[in-house]
C-alpha atoms as a PDB file:
ATOM      1  CA  MET A   1      -3.793   5.201  17.855  1.00  0.00           C
ATOM      2  CA  VAL A   2      -0.504   6.200  16.289  1.00  0.00           C
ATOM      3  CA  GLU A   3      -0.498   6.075  12.507  1.00  0.00           C
ATOM      4  CA  GLU A   4       2.592   4.568  10.933  1.00  0.00           C
ATOM      5  CA  LEU A   5       3.372   5.100   7.267  1.00  0.00           C
ATOM      6  CA  ILE A   6       4.526   1.990   5.475  1.00  0.00           C
ATOM      7  CA  ARG A   7       7.868   2.505   3.777  1.00  0.00           C
ATOM      8  CA  ILE A   8       8.779   0.334   0.827  1.00  0.00           C
ATOM      9  CA  GLU A   9      12.486  -0.255   0.318  1.00  0.00           C
ATOM     10  CA  THR A  10      13.641   0.446  -3.230  1.00  0.00           C
ATOM     11  CA  ASP A  11      16.930   0.614  -5.098  1.00  0.00           C
ATOM     12  CA  ASP A  12      16.143   4.182  -6.168  1.00  0.00           C
ATOM     13  CA  PRO A  13      18.492   6.945  -4.949  1.00  0.00           C
ATOM     14  CA  PRO A  14      17.390   8.716  -1.744  1.00  0.00           C
ATOM     15  CA  GLY A  15      15.229  11.769  -2.368  1.00  0.00           C
ATOM     16  CA  LYS A  16      14.137  10.530  -5.781  1.00  0.00           C
ATOM     17  CA  PRO A  17      10.641   9.068  -6.146  1.00  0.00           C
ATOM     18  CA  PRO A  18      10.647   5.389  -7.118  1.00  0.00           C
ATOM     19  CA  ALA A  19      10.071   4.610 -10.753  1.00  0.00           C
ATOM     20  CA  GLU A  20       6.491   3.525 -11.307  1.00  0.00           C
ATOM     21  CA  ASP A  21       6.024   1.528 -14.467  1.00  0.00           C
ATOM     22  CA  GLY A  22       2.327   0.977 -14.072  1.00  0.00           C
ATOM     23  CA  ILE A  23      -1.048   2.458 -13.424  1.00  0.00           C
ATOM     24  CA  GLU A  24      -2.862   3.603 -10.318  1.00  0.00           C
ATOM     25  CA  ILE A  25      -5.941   1.568  -9.447  1.00  0.00           C
ATOM     26  CA  PRO A  26      -8.653   3.895  -8.054  1.00  0.00           C
ATOM     27  CA  LEU A  27     -10.149   2.636  -4.779  1.00  0.00           C
ATOM     28  CA  ASP A  28     -13.684   2.992  -6.079  1.00  0.00           C
ATOM     29  CA  ARG A  29     -12.859   0.499  -8.856  1.00  0.00           C
ATOM     30  CA  ILE A  30     -11.835  -2.248  -6.407  1.00  0.00           C
ATOM     31  CA  ASN A  31     -14.519  -4.489  -4.933  1.00  0.00           C
ATOM     32  CA  PRO A  32     -14.563  -3.842  -1.125  1.00  0.00           C
ATOM     33  CA  GLU A  33     -14.012  -7.518  -0.281  1.00  0.00           C
ATOM     34  CA  THR A  34     -11.160  -7.740  -2.790  1.00  0.00           C
ATOM     35  CA  LEU A  35      -9.628  -4.586  -1.309  1.00  0.00           C
ATOM     36  CA  ARG A  36      -9.770  -6.051   2.213  1.00  0.00           C
ATOM     37  CA  ASN A  37      -8.035  -9.208   0.958  1.00  0.00           C
ATOM     38  CA  MET A  38      -5.386  -7.128  -0.815  1.00  0.00           C
ATOM     39  CA  LEU A  39      -4.773  -5.067   2.335  1.00  0.00           C
ATOM     40  CA  ALA A  40      -4.528  -8.197   4.500  1.00  0.00           C
ATOM     41  CA  GLU A  41      -1.946  -9.671   2.138  1.00  0.00           C
ATOM     42  CA  PHE A  42      -0.045  -6.375   1.985  1.00  0.00           C
ATOM     43  CA  VAL A  43       0.213  -5.787   5.738  1.00  0.00           C
ATOM     44  CA  THR A  44       1.273  -9.356   6.463  1.00  0.00           C
ATOM     45  CA  ARG A  45       3.931  -9.092   3.730  1.00  0.00           C
ATOM     46  CA  GLU A  46       5.251  -5.594   4.506  1.00  0.00           C
ATOM     47  CA  TRP A  47       4.558  -4.918   8.191  1.00  0.00           C
ATOM     48  CA  ALA A  48       6.773  -6.578  10.802  1.00  0.00           C
ATOM     49  CA  ASP A  49       4.982  -5.032  13.821  1.00  0.00           C
ATOM     50  CA  GLU A  50       3.635  -7.943  15.827  1.00  0.00           C
ATOM     51  CA  GLU A  51       1.980  -5.720  18.455  1.00  0.00           C
ATOM     52  CA  SER A  52      -0.753  -4.424  16.142  1.00  0.00           C
ATOM     53  CA  THR A  53      -3.683  -6.592  15.193  1.00  0.00           C
ATOM     54  CA  LEU A  54      -4.283  -7.484  11.571  1.00  0.00           C
ATOM     55  CA  ALA A  55      -7.515  -5.477  11.619  1.00  0.00           C
ATOM     56  CA  SER A  56      -5.810  -2.339  12.970  1.00  0.00           C
ATOM     57  CA  ARG A  57      -3.023  -2.578  10.381  1.00  0.00           C
ATOM     58  CA  ILE A  58      -5.587  -2.947   7.597  1.00  0.00           C
ATOM     59  CA  GLU A  59      -7.513   0.073   8.895  1.00  0.00           C
ATOM     60  CA  GLN A  60      -4.353   2.190   9.055  1.00  0.00           C
ATOM     61  CA  VAL A  61      -3.427   1.413   5.456  1.00  0.00           C
ATOM     62  CA  LEU A  62      -7.035   1.918   4.314  1.00  0.00           C
ATOM     63  CA  HIS A  63      -7.020   5.315   6.041  1.00  0.00           C
ATOM     64  CA  GLN A  64      -3.800   6.246   4.197  1.00  0.00           C
ATOM     65  CA  LEU A  65      -5.374   5.202   0.893  1.00  0.00           C
ATOM     66  CA  ARG A  66      -8.534   7.236   1.560  1.00  0.00           C
ATOM     67  CA  GLU A  67      -6.473  10.266   2.600  1.00  0.00           C
ATOM     68  CA  ARG A  68      -4.419   9.931  -0.622  1.00  0.00           C
ATOM     69  CA  LYS A  69      -1.205   9.407   1.362  1.00  0.00           C
ATOM     70  CA  ALA A  70      -0.786   6.059  -0.420  1.00  0.00           C
ATOM     71  CA  LYS A  71      -2.117   4.481  -3.603  1.00  0.00           C
ATOM     72  CA  VAL A  72      -2.591   1.062  -5.163  1.00  0.00           C
ATOM     73  CA  MET A  73      -0.392   0.587  -8.221  1.00  0.00           C
ATOM     74  CA  TYR A  74      -0.465  -2.178 -10.817  1.00  0.00           C
ATOM     75  CA  ASP A  75       2.917  -2.874 -12.402  1.00  0.00           C
ATOM     76  CA  CYS A  76       2.352  -3.758 -16.060  1.00  0.00           C
ATOM     77  CA  THR A  77       5.813  -5.309 -16.412  1.00  0.00           C
ATOM     78  CA  THR A  78       5.574  -7.799 -13.558  1.00  0.00           C
ATOM     79  CA  GLU A  79       1.758  -8.010 -13.557  1.00  0.00           C
ATOM     80  CA  THR A  80       1.711  -7.419  -9.803  1.00  0.00           C
ATOM     81  CA  TRP A  81       0.212  -4.780  -7.544  1.00  0.00           C
ATOM     82  CA  ASN A  82       1.597  -2.890  -4.590  1.00  0.00           C
ATOM     83  CA  ILE A  83       0.702  -0.041  -2.265  1.00  0.00           C
ATOM     84  CA  VAL A  84       3.102   2.883  -2.482  1.00  0.00           C
ATOM     85  CA  ASP A  85       3.455   6.283  -0.840  1.00  0.00           C
ATOM     86  CA  CYS A  86       2.034   9.181  -2.810  1.00  0.00           C
ATOM     87  CA  ARG A  87       4.738  11.637  -3.768  1.00  0.00           C
END
């Protein structure tokens, strides 16, 4: 299986980390069922690859979160969450 990092498009200049006006939500603080639902919503919103199954996309993102290559962030301004690359 080839792992693909999810890239989020931002208006930030290239080479500069995106501004994060929020807090990181530790994985161990998220109910496992809630996390699965969040990941399902995220991959269907952000991942255009139709060849991968939903389950495999969820597993790839979960692996990135566990390996600390990505993190769940809660934006206090918009009261929304997102998964972003760790920088």
